[in-house]
Amino acid sequence: MLKLKIVSPERIVFNGEVENVTVPGTLGSFEILTDHAPIISSLEIGRVEYTTAAGKQQLDVKGGFVEVKKNEVSLCVEV
């Protein structure tokens, strides 16, 4: 499992455990799974998708950044 935190300038959008996260990277969409290599990437306009115990969730973003380290995914996005 991954710990995902999505924050925007206005509020914390999501904070919890997820199975996977797909983000709209600058060079194309990519998926983050458990034990993903550490990475920092900018995000483009697109859709963030993640799977929780309750099912698939999605969030449209206007850009931002993602950081992955030690199964913790932090997204700073503009929604």
PDB file of N, CA and C in Angstrom:
ATOM      1  N   MET A   1       0.832  -1.191   0.000  1.00  0.00           N
ATOM      2  CA  MET A   1       0.000   0.000   0.000  1.00  0.00           C
ATOM      3  C   MET A   1       0.875   1.253   0.000  1.00  0.00           C
ATOM      4  N   LEU A   2       0.316   2.302  -0.567  1.00  0.00           N
ATOM      5  CA  LEU A   2       0.968   3.603  -0.613  1.00  0.00           C
ATOM      6  C   LEU A   2       0.212   4.574   0.279  1.00  0.00           C
ATOM      7  N   LYS A   3       0.925   5.518   0.863  1.00  0.00           N
ATOM      8  CA  LYS A   3       0.275   6.604   1.590  1.00  0.00           C
ATOM      9  C   LYS A   3       0.250   7.793   0.639  1.00  0.00           C
ATOM     10  N   LEU A   4      -0.950   8.270   0.333  1.00  0.00           N
ATOM     11  CA  LEU A   4      -1.126   9.369  -0.615  1.00  0.00           C
ATOM     12  C   LEU A   4      -1.653  10.601   0.097  1.00  0.00           C
ATOM     13  N   LYS A   5      -1.009  11.729  -0.178  1.00  0.00           N
ATOM     14  CA  LYS A   5      -1.494  13.011   0.322  1.00  0.00           C
ATOM     15  C   LYS A   5      -1.579  13.957  -0.863  1.00  0.00           C
ATOM     16  N   ILE A   6      -2.784  14.482  -1.111  1.00  0.00           N
ATOM     17  CA  ILE A   6      -3.007  15.448  -2.189  1.00  0.00           C
ATOM     18  C   ILE A   6      -3.400  16.771  -1.549  1.00  0.00           C
ATOM     19  N   VAL A   7      -2.598  17.803  -1.808  1.00  0.00           N
ATOM     20  CA  VAL A   7      -2.903  19.130  -1.259  1.00  0.00           C
ATOM     21  C   VAL A   7      -3.008  20.142  -2.391  1.00  0.00           C
ATOM     22  N   SER A   8      -3.903  21.097  -2.192  1.00  0.00           N
ATOM     23  CA  SER A   8      -4.037  22.224  -3.104  1.00  0.00           C
ATOM     24  C   SER A   8      -3.851  23.482  -2.252  1.00  0.00           C
ATOM     25  N   PRO A   9      -3.708  24.644  -2.865  1.00  0.00           N
ATOM     26  CA  PRO A   9      -3.548  25.866  -2.068  1.00  0.00           C
ATOM     27  C   PRO A   9      -4.722  26.110  -1.107  1.00  0.00           C
ATOM     28  N   GLU A  10      -5.900  25.598  -1.443  1.00  0.00           N
ATOM     29  CA  GLU A  10      -7.083  25.853  -0.630  1.00  0.00           C
ATOM     30  C   GLU A  10      -7.285  24.855   0.512  1.00  0.00           C
ATOM     31  N   ARG A  11      -6.882  23.573   0.296  1.00  0.00           N
ATOM     32  CA  ARG A  11      -7.230  22.547   1.286  1.00  0.00           C
ATOM     33  C   ARG A  11      -6.469  21.251   1.026  1.00  0.00           C
ATOM     34  N   ILE A  12      -6.589  20.327   1.989  1.00  0.00           N
ATOM     35  CA  ILE A  12      -6.103  18.968   1.772  1.00  0.00           C
ATOM     36  C   ILE A  12      -7.220  18.222   1.049  1.00  0.00           C
ATOM     37  N   VAL A  13      -6.947  17.751  -0.149  1.00  0.00           N
ATOM     38  CA  VAL A  13      -7.950  17.093  -0.984  1.00  0.00           C
ATOM     39  C   VAL A  13      -8.133  15.636  -0.575  1.00  0.00           C
ATOM     40  N   PHE A  14      -7.016  14.949  -0.269  1.00  0.00           N
ATOM     41  CA  PHE A  14      -7.080  13.536   0.120  1.00  0.00           C
ATOM     42  C   PHE A  14      -5.859  13.201   0.959  1.00  0.00           C
ATOM     43  N   ASN A  15      -6.052  12.358   1.966  1.00  0.00           N
ATOM     44  CA  ASN A  15      -4.949  11.872   2.781  1.00  0.00           C
ATOM     45  C   ASN A  15      -5.318  10.475   3.252  1.00  0.00           C
ATOM     46  N   GLY A  16      -4.671   9.450   2.702  1.00  0.00           N
ATOM     47  CA  GLY A  16      -4.995   8.089   3.090  1.00  0.00           C
ATOM     48  C   GLY A  16      -4.197   7.069   2.309  1.00  0.00           C
ATOM     49  N   GLU A  17      -4.569   5.796   2.485  1.00  0.00           N
ATOM     50  CA  GLU A  17      -3.865   4.706   1.820  1.00  0.00           C
ATOM     51  C   GLU A  17      -4.524   4.354   0.498  1.00  0.00           C
ATOM     52  N   VAL A  18      -3.688   4.075  -0.489  1.00  0.00           N
ATOM     53  CA  VAL A  18      -4.163   3.714  -1.828  1.00  0.00           C
ATOM     54  C   VAL A  18      -3.338   2.545  -2.359  1.00  0.00           C
ATOM     55  N   GLU A  19      -3.877   1.872  -3.369  1.00  0.00           N
ATOM     56  CA  GLU A  19      -3.170   0.765  -4.005  1.00  0.00           C
ATOM     57  C   GLU A  19      -2.239   1.259  -5.105  1.00  0.00           C
ATOM     58  N   ASN A  20      -2.668   2.294  -5.846  1.00  0.00           N
ATOM     59  CA  ASN A  20      -1.873   2.845  -6.939  1.00  0.00           C
ATOM     60  C   ASN A  20      -2.319   4.273  -7.220  1.00  0.00           C
ATOM     61  N   VAL A  21      -1.469   5.000  -7.937  1.00  0.00           N
ATOM     62  CA  VAL A  21      -1.767   6.383  -8.320  1.00  0.00           C
ATOM     63  C   VAL A  21      -1.281   6.577  -9.755  1.00  0.00           C
ATOM     64  N   THR A  22      -2.109   7.176 -10.604  1.00  0.00           N
ATOM     65  CA  THR A  22      -1.699   7.542 -11.955  1.00  0.00           C
ATOM     66  C   THR A  22      -1.752   9.061 -12.053  1.00  0.00           C
ATOM     67  N   VAL A  23      -0.645   9.657 -12.518  1.00  0.00           N
ATOM     68  CA  VAL A  23      -0.551  11.115 -12.583  1.00  0.00           C
ATOM     69  C   VAL A  23      -0.190  11.571 -14.000  1.00  0.00           C
ATOM     70  N   PRO A  24      -0.610  12.803 -14.366  1.00  0.00           N
ATOM     71  CA  PRO A  24      -0.295  13.346 -15.698  1.00  0.00           C
ATOM     72  C   PRO A  24       1.067  14.049 -15.704  1.00  0.00           C
ATOM     73  N   GLY A  25       2.142  13.293 -15.856  1.00  0.00           N
ATOM     74  CA  GLY A  25       3.491  13.860 -15.870  1.00  0.00           C
ATOM     75  C   GLY A  25       3.728  14.724 -17.098  1.00  0.00           C
ATOM     76  N   THR A  26       4.745  15.545 -17.043  1.00  0.00           N
ATOM     77  CA  THR A  26       5.081  16.440 -18.145  1.00  0.00           C
ATOM     78  C   THR A  26       5.367  15.669 -19.436  1.00  0.00           C
ATOM     79  N   LEU A  27       5.998  14.502 -19.316  1.00  0.00           N
ATOM     80  CA  LEU A  27       6.332  13.696 -20.492  1.00  0.00           C
ATOM     81  C   LEU A  27       5.313  12.588 -20.741  1.00  0.00           C
ATOM     82  N   GLY A  28       4.178  12.661 -20.064  1.00  0.00           N
ATOM     83  CA  GLY A  28       3.132  11.656 -20.230  1.00  0.00           C
ATOM     84  C   GLY A  28       2.716  11.073 -18.898  1.00  0.00           C
ATOM     85  N   SER A  29       1.579  10.433 -18.896  1.00  0.00           N
ATOM     86  CA  SER A  29       1.024   9.838 -17.685  1.00  0.00           C
ATOM     87  C   SER A  29       1.899   8.691 -17.211  1.00  0.00           C
ATOM     88  N   PHE A  30       1.986   8.530 -15.886  1.00  0.00           N
ATOM     89  CA  PHE A  30       2.680   7.360 -15.355  1.00  0.00           C
ATOM     90  C   PHE A  30       2.017   6.902 -14.071  1.00  0.00           C
ATOM     91  N   GLU A  31       2.191   5.610 -13.799  1.00  0.00           N
ATOM     92  CA  GLU A  31       1.558   4.981 -12.641  1.00  0.00           C
ATOM     93  C   GLU A  31       2.591   4.747 -11.549  1.00  0.00           C
ATOM     94  N   ILE A  32       2.172   4.975 -10.313  1.00  0.00           N
ATOM     95  CA  ILE A  32       3.018   4.760  -9.149  1.00  0.00           C
ATOM     96  C   ILE A  32       2.435   3.592  -8.364  1.00  0.00           C
ATOM     97  N   LEU A  33       3.276   2.588  -8.128  1.00  0.00           N
ATOM     98  CA  LEU A  33       2.872   1.405  -7.372  1.00  0.00           C
ATOM     99  C   LEU A  33       3.761   1.283  -6.138  1.00  0.00           C
ATOM    100  N   THR A  34       3.427   0.347  -5.256  1.00  0.00           N
ATOM    101  CA  THR A  34       4.226   0.095  -4.061  1.00  0.00           C
ATOM    102  C   THR A  34       5.681  -0.151  -4.448  1.00  0.00           C
ATOM    103  N   ASP A  35       6.596   0.375  -3.653  1.00  0.00           N
ATOM    104  CA  ASP A  35       8.050   0.252  -3.842  1.00  0.00           C
ATOM    105  C   ASP A  35       8.558   0.949  -5.108  1.00  0.00           C
ATOM    106  N   HIS A  36       7.842   1.975  -5.569  1.00  0.00           N
ATOM    107  CA  HIS A  36       8.296   2.775  -6.714  1.00  0.00           C
ATOM    108  C   HIS A  36       9.597   3.481  -6.342  1.00  0.00           C
ATOM    109  N   ALA A  37      10.472   3.660  -7.301  1.00  0.00           N
ATOM    110  CA  ALA A  37      11.725   4.384  -7.079  1.00  0.00           C
ATOM    111  C   ALA A  37      11.422   5.839  -6.691  1.00  0.00           C
ATOM    112  N   PRO A  38      12.278   6.449  -5.864  1.00  0.00           N
ATOM    113  CA  PRO A  38      12.076   7.858  -5.514  1.00  0.00           C
ATOM    114  C   PRO A  38      12.083   8.728  -6.777  1.00  0.00           C
ATOM    115  N   ILE A  39      11.177   9.706  -6.810  1.00  0.00           N
ATOM    116  CA  ILE A  39      11.067  10.575  -7.985  1.00  0.00           C
ATOM    117  C   ILE A  39      10.408  11.889  -7.578  1.00  0.00           C
ATOM    118  N   ILE A  40      10.775  12.941  -8.283  1.00  0.00           N
ATOM    119  CA  ILE A  40      10.068  14.220  -8.205  1.00  0.00           C
ATOM    120  C   ILE A  40       9.778  14.603  -9.645  1.00  0.00           C
ATOM    121  N   SER A  41       8.524  14.972  -9.935  1.00  0.00           N
ATOM    122  CA  SER A  41       8.139  15.305 -11.304  1.00  0.00           C
ATOM    123  C   SER A  41       7.109  16.423 -11.302  1.00  0.00           C
ATOM    124  N   SER A  42       7.148  17.237 -12.357  1.00  0.00           N
ATOM    125  CA  SER A  42       6.101  18.238 -12.541  1.00  0.00           C
ATOM    126  C   SER A  42       4.900  17.569 -13.197  1.00  0.00           C
ATOM    127  N   LEU A  43       3.732  18.148 -12.983  1.00  0.00           N
ATOM    128  CA  LEU A  43       2.489  17.611 -13.542  1.00  0.00           C
ATOM    129  C   LEU A  43       1.866  18.614 -14.498  1.00  0.00           C
ATOM    130  N   GLU A  44       1.229  18.101 -15.524  1.00  0.00           N
ATOM    131  CA  GLU A  44       0.522  18.903 -16.516  1.00  0.00           C
ATOM    132  C   GLU A  44      -0.976  18.893 -16.209  1.00  0.00           C
ATOM    133  N   ILE A  45      -1.743  19.615 -17.010  1.00  0.00           N
ATOM    134  CA  ILE A  45      -3.197  19.542 -16.934  1.00  0.00           C
ATOM    135  C   ILE A  45      -3.608  18.116 -17.258  1.00  0.00           C
ATOM    136  N   GLY A  46      -4.473  17.554 -16.438  1.00  0.00           N
ATOM    137  CA  GLY A  46      -4.919  16.184 -16.673  1.00  0.00           C
ATOM    138  C   GLY A  46      -5.675  15.630 -15.491  1.00  0.00           C
ATOM    139  N   ARG A  47      -5.681  14.315 -15.400  1.00  0.00           N
ATOM    140  CA  ARG A  47      -6.461  13.632 -14.375  1.00  0.00           C
ATOM    141  C   ARG A  47      -5.559  12.760 -13.505  1.00  0.00           C
ATOM    142  N   VAL A  48      -5.701  12.929 -12.183  1.00  0.00           N
ATOM    143  CA  VAL A  48      -5.038  12.051 -11.224  1.00  0.00           C
ATOM    144  C   VAL A  48      -6.051  10.965 -10.875  1.00  0.00           C
ATOM    145  N   GLU A  49      -5.638   9.712 -10.971  1.00  0.00           N
ATOM    146  CA  GLU A  49      -6.514   8.588 -10.631  1.00  0.00           C
ATOM    147  C   GLU A  49      -5.827   7.752  -9.570  1.00  0.00           C
ATOM    148  N   TYR A  50      -6.603   7.313  -8.566  1.00  0.00           N
ATOM    149  CA  TYR A  50      -6.048   6.476  -7.513  1.00  0.00           C
ATOM    150  C   TYR A  50      -7.105   5.497  -7.035  1.00  0.00           C
ATOM    151  N   THR A  51      -6.643   4.358  -6.529  1.00  0.00           N
ATOM    152  CA  THR A  51      -7.544   3.301  -6.091  1.00  0.00           C
ATOM    153  C   THR A  51      -7.456   3.149  -4.583  1.00  0.00           C
ATOM    154  N   THR A  52      -8.592   3.357  -3.916  1.00  0.00           N
ATOM    155  CA  THR A  52      -8.692   3.172  -2.470  1.00  0.00           C
ATOM    156  C   THR A  52      -9.469   1.890  -2.201  1.00  0.00           C
ATOM    157  N   ALA A  53      -9.656   1.580  -0.922  1.00  0.00           N
ATOM    158  CA  ALA A  53     -10.458   0.409  -0.558  1.00  0.00           C
ATOM    159  C   ALA A  53     -11.892   0.570  -1.059  1.00  0.00           C
ATOM    160  N   ALA A  54     -12.350   1.808  -1.189  1.00  0.00           N
ATOM    161  CA  ALA A  54     -13.720   2.081  -1.645  1.00  0.00           C
ATOM    162  C   ALA A  54     -13.848   2.046  -3.168  1.00  0.00           C
ATOM    163  N   GLY A  55     -12.724   1.954  -3.882  1.00  0.00           N
ATOM    164  CA  GLY A  55     -12.782   1.914  -5.339  1.00  0.00           C
ATOM    165  C   GLY A  55     -11.948   3.004  -5.974  1.00  0.00           C
ATOM    166  N   LYS A  56     -12.117   3.143  -7.285  1.00  0.00           N
ATOM    167  CA  LYS A  56     -11.325   4.099  -8.063  1.00  0.00           C
ATOM    168  C   LYS A  56     -11.840   5.527  -7.849  1.00  0.00           C
ATOM    169  N   GLN A  57     -10.908   6.450  -7.653  1.00  0.00           N
ATOM    170  CA  GLN A  57     -11.229   7.865  -7.478  1.00  0.00           C
ATOM    171  C   GLN A  57     -10.467   8.644  -8.540  1.00  0.00           C
ATOM    172  N   GLN A  58     -10.956   9.834  -8.870  1.00  0.00           N
ATOM    173  CA  GLN A  58     -10.244  10.668  -9.833  1.00  0.00           C
ATOM    174  C   GLN A  58     -10.388  12.134  -9.488  1.00  0.00           C
ATOM    175  N   LEU A  59      -9.406  12.916  -9.937  1.00  0.00           N
ATOM    176  CA  LEU A  59      -9.364  14.339  -9.654  1.00  0.00           C
ATOM    177  C   LEU A  59      -8.728  15.040 -10.847  1.00  0.00           C
ATOM    178  N   ASP A  60      -9.413  16.029 -11.413  1.00  0.00           N
ATOM    179  CA  ASP A  60      -8.852  16.809 -12.521  1.00  0.00           C
ATOM    180  C   ASP A  60      -7.956  17.897 -11.945  1.00  0.00           C
ATOM    181  N   VAL A  61      -6.748  18.027 -12.489  1.00  0.00           N
ATOM    182  CA  VAL A  61      -5.790  19.018 -11.997  1.00  0.00           C
ATOM    183  C   VAL A  61      -5.326  19.921 -13.139  1.00  0.00           C
ATOM    184  N   LYS A  62      -4.875  21.117 -12.758  1.00  0.00           N
ATOM    185  CA  LYS A  62      -4.370  22.081 -13.733  1.00  0.00           C
ATOM    186  C   LYS A  62      -2.851  22.106 -13.762  1.00  0.00           C
ATOM    187  N   GLY A  63      -2.221  21.247 -12.966  1.00  0.00           N
ATOM    188  CA  GLY A  63      -0.772  21.183 -12.892  1.00  0.00           C
ATOM    189  C   GLY A  63      -0.325  21.029 -11.462  1.00  0.00           C
ATOM    190  N   GLY A  64       0.985  20.895 -11.271  1.00  0.00           N
ATOM    191  CA  GLY A  64       1.526  20.758  -9.933  1.00  0.00           C
ATOM    192  C   GLY A  64       2.788  19.918  -9.924  1.00  0.00           C
ATOM    193  N   PHE A  65       3.033  19.271  -8.779  1.00  0.00           N
ATOM    194  CA  PHE A  65       4.227  18.454  -8.593  1.00  0.00           C
ATOM    195  C   PHE A  65       3.878  17.181  -7.844  1.00  0.00           C
ATOM    196  N   VAL A  66       4.675  16.128  -8.067  1.00  0.00           N
ATOM    197  CA  VAL A  66       4.534  14.873  -7.328  1.00  0.00           C
ATOM    198  C   VAL A  66       5.904  14.486  -6.792  1.00  0.00           C
ATOM    199  N   GLU A  67       5.924  13.979  -5.566  1.00  0.00           N
ATOM    200  CA  GLU A  67       7.146  13.440  -4.973  1.00  0.00           C
ATOM    201  C   GLU A  67       6.827  12.060  -4.430  1.00  0.00           C
ATOM    202  N   VAL A  68       7.696  11.094  -4.734  1.00  0.00           N
ATOM    203  CA  VAL A  68       7.538   9.724  -4.256  1.00  0.00           C
ATOM    204  C   VAL A  68       8.797   9.336  -3.506  1.00  0.00           C
ATOM    205  N   LYS A  69       8.629   8.841  -2.279  1.00  0.00           N
ATOM    206  CA  LYS A  69       9.756   8.275  -1.534  1.00  0.00           C
ATOM    207  C   LYS A  69       9.223   7.365  -0.436  1.00  0.00           C
ATOM    208  N   LYS A  70       9.806   6.187  -0.341  1.00  0.00           N
ATOM    209  CA  LYS A  70       9.473   5.205   0.700  1.00  0.00           C
ATOM    210  C   LYS A  70       7.973   4.952   0.812  1.00  0.00           C
ATOM    211  N   ASN A  71       7.326   4.682  -0.312  1.00  0.00           N
ATOM    212  CA  ASN A  71       5.889   4.381  -0.379  1.00  0.00           C
ATOM    213  C   ASN A  71       4.994   5.518   0.101  1.00  0.00           C
ATOM    214  N   GLU A  72       5.522   6.746   0.095  1.00  0.00           N
ATOM    215  CA  GLU A  72       4.720   7.929   0.391  1.00  0.00           C
ATOM    216  C   GLU A  72       4.690   8.801  -0.859  1.00  0.00           C
ATOM    217  N   VAL A  73       3.478   9.127  -1.305  1.00  0.00           N
ATOM    218  CA  VAL A  73       3.286   9.936  -2.506  1.00  0.00           C
ATOM    219  C   VAL A  73       2.664  11.267  -2.083  1.00  0.00           C
ATOM    220  N   SER A  74       3.338  12.355  -2.401  1.00  0.00           N
ATOM    221  CA  SER A  74       2.830  13.691  -2.082  1.00  0.00           C
ATOM    222  C   SER A  74       2.555  14.435  -3.376  1.00  0.00           C
ATOM    223  N   LEU A  75       1.325  14.914  -3.507  1.00  0.00           N
ATOM    224  CA  LEU A  75       0.939  15.703  -4.678  1.00  0.00           C
ATOM    225  C   LEU A  75       0.582  17.109  -4.216  1.00  0.00           C
ATOM    226  N   CYS A  76       1.185  18.095  -4.848  1.00  0.00           N
ATOM    227  CA  CYS A  76       0.826  19.500  -4.630  1.00  0.00           C
ATOM    228  C   CYS A  76       0.238  19.950  -5.960  1.00  0.00           C
ATOM    229  N   VAL A  77      -1.060  20.178  -5.987  1.00  0.00           N
ATOM    230  CA  VAL A  77      -1.743  20.417  -7.263  1.00  0.00           C
ATOM    231  C   VAL A  77      -2.634  21.645  -7.208  1.00  0.00           C
ATOM    232  N   GLU A  78      -2.930  22.150  -8.404  1.00  0.00           N
ATOM    233  CA  GLU A  78      -3.921  23.202  -8.560  1.00  0.00           C
ATOM    234  C   GLU A  78      -5.157  22.533  -9.159  1.00  0.00           C
ATOM    235  N   VAL A  79      -6.297  22.666  -8.474  1.00  0.00           N
ATOM    236  CA  VAL A  79      -7.522  22.009  -8.947  1.00  0.00           C
ATOM    237  C   VAL A  79      -8.498  23.008  -9.514  1.00  0.00           C
TER     238      VAL A  79
END
